[in-house]
PDB file of all heavy atoms in Angstrom:
ATOM      1  N   THR A   1       0.809  -1.168   0.047  1.00  0.00           N
ATOM      2  CA  THR A   1      -0.007   0.013  -0.009  1.00  0.00           C
ATOM      3  C   THR A   1       0.881   1.219   0.024  1.00  0.00           C
ATOM      4  O   THR A   1       2.007   1.248   0.450  1.00  0.00           O
ATOM      5  CB  THR A   1      -0.849   0.003   1.217  1.00  0.00           C
ATOM      6  OG1 THR A   1      -0.116   0.043   2.393  1.00  0.00           O
ATOM      7  CG2 THR A   1      -1.792  -1.244   1.314  1.00  0.00           C
ATOM      8  N   GLU A   2       0.322   2.300  -0.579  1.00  0.00           N
ATOM      9  CA  GLU A   2       0.934   3.640  -0.567  1.00  0.00           C
ATOM     10  C   GLU A   2       2.438   3.598  -0.983  1.00  0.00           C
ATOM     11  O   GLU A   2       3.292   4.134  -0.360  1.00  0.00           O
ATOM     12  CB  GLU A   2       0.737   4.390   0.782  1.00  0.00           C
ATOM     13  CG  GLU A   2      -0.687   4.487   1.188  1.00  0.00           C
ATOM     14  CD  GLU A   2      -0.822   5.082   2.587  1.00  0.00           C
ATOM     15  OE1 GLU A   2      -0.509   4.405   3.547  1.00  0.00           O
ATOM     16  OE2 GLU A   2      -1.369   6.222   2.665  1.00  0.00           O
ATOM     17  N   THR A   3       2.615   2.775  -2.092  1.00  0.00           N
ATOM     18  CA  THR A   3       4.032   2.663  -2.515  1.00  0.00           C
ATOM     19  C   THR A   3       4.069   3.034  -4.044  1.00  0.00           C
ATOM     20  O   THR A   3       3.141   2.665  -4.736  1.00  0.00           O
ATOM     21  CB  THR A   3       4.411   1.088  -2.303  1.00  0.00           C
ATOM     22  OG1 THR A   3       4.318   0.769  -0.878  1.00  0.00           O
ATOM     23  CG2 THR A   3       5.864   0.861  -2.869  1.00  0.00           C
ATOM     24  N   HIS A   4       5.125   3.562  -4.513  1.00  0.00           N
ATOM     25  CA  HIS A   4       5.356   3.938  -5.826  1.00  0.00           C
ATOM     26  C   HIS A   4       5.999   2.829  -6.564  1.00  0.00           C
ATOM     27  O   HIS A   4       6.993   2.266  -6.262  1.00  0.00           O
ATOM     28  CB  HIS A   4       6.161   5.237  -5.956  1.00  0.00           C
ATOM     29  CG  HIS A   4       6.204   5.671  -7.323  1.00  0.00           C
ATOM     30  ND1 HIS A   4       5.110   6.410  -7.920  1.00  0.00           N
ATOM     31  CD2 HIS A   4       7.224   5.726  -8.293  1.00  0.00           C
ATOM     32  CE1 HIS A   4       5.398   6.756  -9.150  1.00  0.00           C
ATOM     33  NE2 HIS A   4       6.695   6.376  -9.385  1.00  0.00           N
ATOM     34  N   TYR A   5       5.400   2.448  -7.730  1.00  0.00           N
ATOM     35  CA  TYR A   5       5.945   1.436  -8.611  1.00  0.00           C
ATOM     36  C   TYR A   5       6.183   2.049 -10.001  1.00  0.00           C
ATOM     37  O   TYR A   5       5.545   3.065 -10.447  1.00  0.00           O
ATOM     38  CB  TYR A   5       4.954   0.298  -8.798  1.00  0.00           C
ATOM     39  CG  TYR A   5       4.806  -0.521  -7.436  1.00  0.00           C
ATOM     40  CD1 TYR A   5       3.844  -0.195  -6.490  1.00  0.00           C
ATOM     41  CD2 TYR A   5       5.582  -1.677  -7.198  1.00  0.00           C
ATOM     42  CE1 TYR A   5       3.720  -0.952  -5.385  1.00  0.00           C
ATOM     43  CE2 TYR A   5       5.379  -2.467  -6.098  1.00  0.00           C
ATOM     44  CZ  TYR A   5       4.479  -2.164  -5.186  1.00  0.00           C
ATOM     45  OH  TYR A   5       4.404  -2.818  -4.063  1.00  0.00           O
ATOM     46  N   VAL A   6       6.948   1.396 -10.824  1.00  0.00           N
ATOM     47  CA  VAL A   6       7.218   1.840 -12.226  1.00  0.00           C
ATOM     48  C   VAL A   6       6.933   0.545 -13.096  1.00  0.00           C
ATOM     49  O   VAL A   6       7.439  -0.528 -12.892  1.00  0.00           O
ATOM     50  CB  VAL A   6       8.667   2.257 -12.446  1.00  0.00           C
ATOM     51  CG1 VAL A   6       8.926   2.561 -13.950  1.00  0.00           C
ATOM     52  CG2 VAL A   6       8.934   3.494 -11.646  1.00  0.00           C
ATOM     53  N   ALA A   7       5.998   0.852 -14.149  1.00  0.00           N
ATOM     54  CA  ALA A   7       5.840  -0.197 -15.140  1.00  0.00           C
ATOM     55  C   ALA A   7       6.463   0.242 -16.531  1.00  0.00           C
ATOM     56  O   ALA A   7       6.555   1.323 -16.794  1.00  0.00           O
ATOM     57  CB  ALA A   7       4.267  -0.280 -15.378  1.00  0.00           C
ATOM     58  N   THR A   8       6.829  -0.823 -17.199  1.00  0.00           N
ATOM     59  CA  THR A   8       7.521  -0.721 -18.475  1.00  0.00           C
ATOM     60  C   THR A   8       6.911  -1.604 -19.483  1.00  0.00           C
ATOM     61  O   THR A   8       6.852  -2.807 -19.192  1.00  0.00           O
ATOM     62  CB  THR A   8       9.003  -0.891 -18.350  1.00  0.00           C
ATOM     63  OG1 THR A   8       9.590  -0.089 -17.363  1.00  0.00           O
ATOM     64  CG2 THR A   8       9.730  -0.687 -19.742  1.00  0.00           C
ATOM     65  N   ILE A   9       6.526  -1.076 -20.583  1.00  0.00           N
ATOM     66  CA  ILE A   9       6.048  -1.887 -21.746  1.00  0.00           C
ATOM     67  C   ILE A   9       7.098  -1.626 -22.828  1.00  0.00           C
ATOM     68  O   ILE A   9       7.186  -0.519 -23.385  1.00  0.00           O
ATOM     69  CB  ILE A   9       4.640  -1.442 -22.230  1.00  0.00           C
ATOM     70  CG1 ILE A   9       3.624  -1.729 -21.094  1.00  0.00           C
ATOM     71  CG2 ILE A   9       4.215  -2.325 -23.450  1.00  0.00           C
ATOM     72  CD1 ILE A   9       2.283  -1.323 -21.401  1.00  0.00           C
ATOM     73  N   SER A  10       7.787  -2.685 -23.251  1.00  0.00           N
ATOM     74  CA  SER A  10       8.912  -2.584 -24.152  1.00  0.00           C
ATOM     75  C   SER A  10       8.534  -2.559 -25.642  1.00  0.00           C
ATOM     76  O   SER A  10       7.365  -2.760 -25.965  1.00  0.00           O
ATOM     77  CB  SER A  10       9.892  -3.697 -23.971  1.00  0.00           C
ATOM     78  OG  SER A  10       9.392  -4.975 -24.509  1.00  0.00           O
ATOM     79  N   THR A  11       9.413  -2.257 -26.458  1.00  0.00           N
ATOM     80  CA  THR A  11       9.196  -2.340 -27.963  1.00  0.00           C
ATOM     81  C   THR A  11       9.006  -3.842 -28.435  1.00  0.00           C
ATOM     82  O   THR A  11       8.746  -3.997 -29.575  1.00  0.00           O
ATOM     83  CB  THR A  11      10.234  -1.654 -28.716  1.00  0.00           C
ATOM     84  OG1 THR A  11      11.589  -2.145 -28.333  1.00  0.00           O
ATOM     85  CG2 THR A  11      10.287  -0.164 -28.307  1.00  0.00           C
ATOM     86  N   GLY A  12       9.085  -4.715 -27.535  1.00  0.00           N
ATOM     87  CA  GLY A  12       8.900  -6.135 -27.946  1.00  0.00           C
ATOM     88  C   GLY A  12       7.510  -6.471 -28.193  1.00  0.00           C
ATOM     89  O   GLY A  12       7.154  -7.527 -28.829  1.00  0.00           O
ATOM     90  N   VAL A  13       6.522  -5.646 -27.780  1.00  0.00           N
ATOM     91  CA  VAL A  13       5.225  -5.766 -28.098  1.00  0.00           C
ATOM     92  C   VAL A  13       4.826  -5.450 -29.686  1.00  0.00           C
ATOM     93  O   VAL A  13       5.412  -4.431 -30.000  1.00  0.00           O
ATOM     94  CB  VAL A  13       4.167  -5.097 -27.183  1.00  0.00           C
ATOM     95  CG1 VAL A  13       4.453  -5.489 -25.784  1.00  0.00           C
ATOM     96  CG2 VAL A  13       4.391  -3.574 -27.316  1.00  0.00           C
ATOM     97  N   HIS A  14       4.100  -6.227 -30.435  1.00  0.00           N
ATOM     98  CA  HIS A  14       3.850  -5.972 -31.719  1.00  0.00           C
ATOM     99  C   HIS A  14       2.390  -5.948 -32.097  1.00  0.00           C
ATOM    100  O   HIS A  14       1.608  -6.483 -31.341  1.00  0.00           O
ATOM    101  CB  HIS A  14       4.484  -7.088 -32.556  1.00  0.00           C
ATOM    102  CG  HIS A  14       5.886  -7.195 -32.574  1.00  0.00           C
ATOM    103  ND1 HIS A  14       6.640  -8.276 -33.126  1.00  0.00           N
ATOM    104  CD2 HIS A  14       6.821  -6.393 -31.991  1.00  0.00           C
ATOM    105  CE1 HIS A  14       7.916  -8.003 -32.916  1.00  0.00           C
ATOM    106  NE2 HIS A  14       8.053  -6.973 -32.182  1.00  0.00           N
ATOM    107  N   SER A  15       2.051  -5.144 -33.081  1.00  0.00           N
ATOM    108  CA  SER A  15       0.682  -5.274 -33.511  1.00  0.00           C
ATOM    109  C   SER A  15       0.372  -6.464 -34.274  1.00  0.00           C
ATOM    110  O   SER A  15       1.354  -7.337 -34.556  1.00  0.00           O
ATOM    111  CB  SER A  15       0.419  -3.976 -34.448  1.00  0.00           C
ATOM    112  OG  SER A  15       1.041  -4.221 -35.686  1.00  0.00           O
ATOM    113  N   LEU A  16      -0.912  -6.671 -34.697  1.00  0.00           N
ATOM    114  CA  LEU A  16      -1.259  -7.918 -35.451  1.00  0.00           C
ATOM    115  C   LEU A  16      -0.511  -7.940 -36.758  1.00  0.00           C
ATOM    116  O   LEU A  16      -0.210  -8.983 -37.270  1.00  0.00           O
ATOM    117  CB  LEU A  16      -2.847  -7.954 -35.773  1.00  0.00           C
ATOM    118  CG  LEU A  16      -3.579  -8.291 -34.499  1.00  0.00           C
ATOM    119  CD1 LEU A  16      -5.137  -8.353 -34.992  1.00  0.00           C
ATOM    120  CD2 LEU A  16      -3.223  -9.759 -34.030  1.00  0.00           C
ATOM    121  N   ASN A  17      -0.033  -6.753 -37.285  1.00  0.00           N
ATOM    122  CA  ASN A  17       0.723  -6.705 -38.468  1.00  0.00           C
ATOM    123  C   ASN A  17       2.183  -6.957 -38.271  1.00  0.00           C
ATOM    124  O   ASN A  17       2.987  -6.751 -39.254  1.00  0.00           O
ATOM    125  CB  ASN A  17       0.493  -5.383 -39.158  1.00  0.00           C
ATOM    126  CG  ASN A  17      -0.973  -5.180 -39.507  1.00  0.00           C
ATOM    127  OD1 ASN A  17      -1.688  -6.133 -39.986  1.00  0.00           O
ATOM    128  ND2 ASN A  17      -1.509  -3.897 -39.608  1.00  0.00           N
ATOM    129  N   GLY A  18       2.531  -7.136 -37.076  1.00  0.00           N
ATOM    130  CA  GLY A  18       4.024  -7.365 -36.785  1.00  0.00           C
ATOM    131  C   GLY A  18       4.833  -6.155 -36.518  1.00  0.00           C
ATOM    132  O   GLY A  18       5.999  -6.212 -36.473  1.00  0.00           O
ATOM    133  N   VAL A  19       4.100  -5.015 -36.381  1.00  0.00           N
ATOM    134  CA  VAL A  19       4.880  -3.750 -36.225  1.00  0.00           C
ATOM    135  C   VAL A  19       5.023  -3.447 -34.742  1.00  0.00           C
ATOM    136  O   VAL A  19       4.061  -3.401 -33.880  1.00  0.00           O
ATOM    137  CB  VAL A  19       4.088  -2.574 -36.911  1.00  0.00           C
ATOM    138  CG1 VAL A  19       4.940  -1.247 -36.665  1.00  0.00           C
ATOM    139  CG2 VAL A  19       3.777  -2.870 -38.322  1.00  0.00           C
ATOM    140  N   PRO A  20       6.361  -3.223 -34.311  1.00  0.00           N
ATOM    141  CA  PRO A  20       6.563  -2.935 -32.842  1.00  0.00           C
ATOM    142  C   PRO A  20       6.192  -1.523 -32.618  1.00  0.00           C
ATOM    143  O   PRO A  20       6.149  -0.710 -33.513  1.00  0.00           O
ATOM    144  CB  PRO A  20       8.037  -3.295 -32.724  1.00  0.00           C
ATOM    145  CG  PRO A  20       8.572  -2.920 -34.069  1.00  0.00           C
ATOM    146  CD  PRO A  20       7.575  -3.339 -35.122  1.00  0.00           C
ATOM    147  N   MET A  21       6.117  -1.271 -31.323  1.00  0.00           N
ATOM    148  CA  MET A  21       5.924   0.158 -30.860  1.00  0.00           C
ATOM    149  C   MET A  21       7.276   0.912 -31.161  1.00  0.00           C
ATOM    150  O   MET A  21       8.407   0.305 -31.096  1.00  0.00           O
ATOM    151  CB  MET A  21       5.696   0.310 -29.378  1.00  0.00           C
ATOM    152  CG  MET A  21       4.343  -0.190 -28.909  1.00  0.00           C
ATOM    153  SD  MET A  21       3.876   0.548 -27.348  1.00  0.00           S
ATOM    154  CE  MET A  21       5.294   0.123 -26.343  1.00  0.00           C
ATOM    155  N   ALA A  22       7.222   2.147 -31.466  1.00  0.00           N
ATOM    156  CA  ALA A  22       8.433   3.003 -31.787  1.00  0.00           C
ATOM    157  C   ALA A  22       9.277   3.240 -30.547  1.00  0.00           C
ATOM    158  O   ALA A  22      10.506   3.278 -30.666  1.00  0.00           O
ATOM    159  CB  ALA A  22       7.993   4.265 -32.411  1.00  0.00           C
ATOM    160  N   HIS A  23       8.649   3.330 -29.355  1.00  0.00           N
ATOM    161  CA  HIS A  23       9.392   3.605 -28.175  1.00  0.00           C
ATOM    162  C   HIS A  23       8.737   2.864 -27.045  1.00  0.00           C
ATOM    163  O   HIS A  23       7.554   2.597 -26.944  1.00  0.00           O
ATOM    164  CB  HIS A  23       9.307   5.217 -27.846  1.00  0.00           C
ATOM    165  CG  HIS A  23       9.687   6.019 -28.922  1.00  0.00           C
ATOM    166  ND1 HIS A  23      11.085   6.188 -29.375  1.00  0.00           N
ATOM    167  CD2 HIS A  23       8.970   6.852 -29.843  1.00  0.00           C
ATOM    168  CE1 HIS A  23      11.266   6.997 -30.264  1.00  0.00           C
ATOM    169  NE2 HIS A  23       9.912   7.449 -30.619  1.00  0.00           N
ATOM    170  N   ALA A  24       9.554   2.532 -26.053  1.00  0.00           N
ATOM    171  CA  ALA A  24       9.097   1.845 -24.867  1.00  0.00           C
ATOM    172  C   ALA A  24       8.256   2.879 -24.040  1.00  0.00           C
ATOM    173  O   ALA A  24       8.480   4.033 -24.147  1.00  0.00           O
ATOM    174  CB  ALA A  24      10.282   1.292 -24.100  1.00  0.00           C
ATOM    175  N   LYS A  25       7.231   2.255 -23.422  1.00  0.00           N
ATOM    176  CA  LYS A  25       6.344   3.102 -22.481  1.00  0.00           C
ATOM    177  C   LYS A  25       6.817   2.932 -21.107  1.00  0.00           C
ATOM    178  O   LYS A  25       6.643   1.693 -20.580  1.00  0.00           O
ATOM    179  CB  LYS A  25       4.926   2.863 -22.797  1.00  0.00           C
ATOM    180  CG  LYS A  25       3.920   3.536 -21.905  1.00  0.00           C
ATOM    181  CD  LYS A  25       3.955   5.168 -22.126  1.00  0.00           C
ATOM    182  CE  LYS A  25       2.854   5.708 -21.374  1.00  0.00           C
ATOM    183  NZ  LYS A  25       2.746   7.206 -21.645  1.00  0.00           N
ATOM    184  N   VAL A  26       7.163   3.921 -20.404  1.00  0.00           N
ATOM    185  CA  VAL A  26       7.422   3.800 -18.879  1.00  0.00           C
ATOM    186  C   VAL A  26       6.504   4.728 -18.228  1.00  0.00           C
ATOM    187  O   VAL A  26       6.432   5.903 -18.521  1.00  0.00           O
ATOM    188  CB  VAL A  26       8.948   4.223 -18.654  1.00  0.00           C
ATOM    189  CG1 VAL A  26       9.214   4.052 -17.151  1.00  0.00           C
ATOM    190  CG2 VAL A  26       9.836   3.300 -19.445  1.00  0.00           C
TER     191      VAL A  26
END
């Protein structure tokens, strides 16, 4: 509780067309 966390979604995720994200989301 009452704690700060950081989430990261990397460019390893792809769309159905196989296109990755341009930048990681933090």
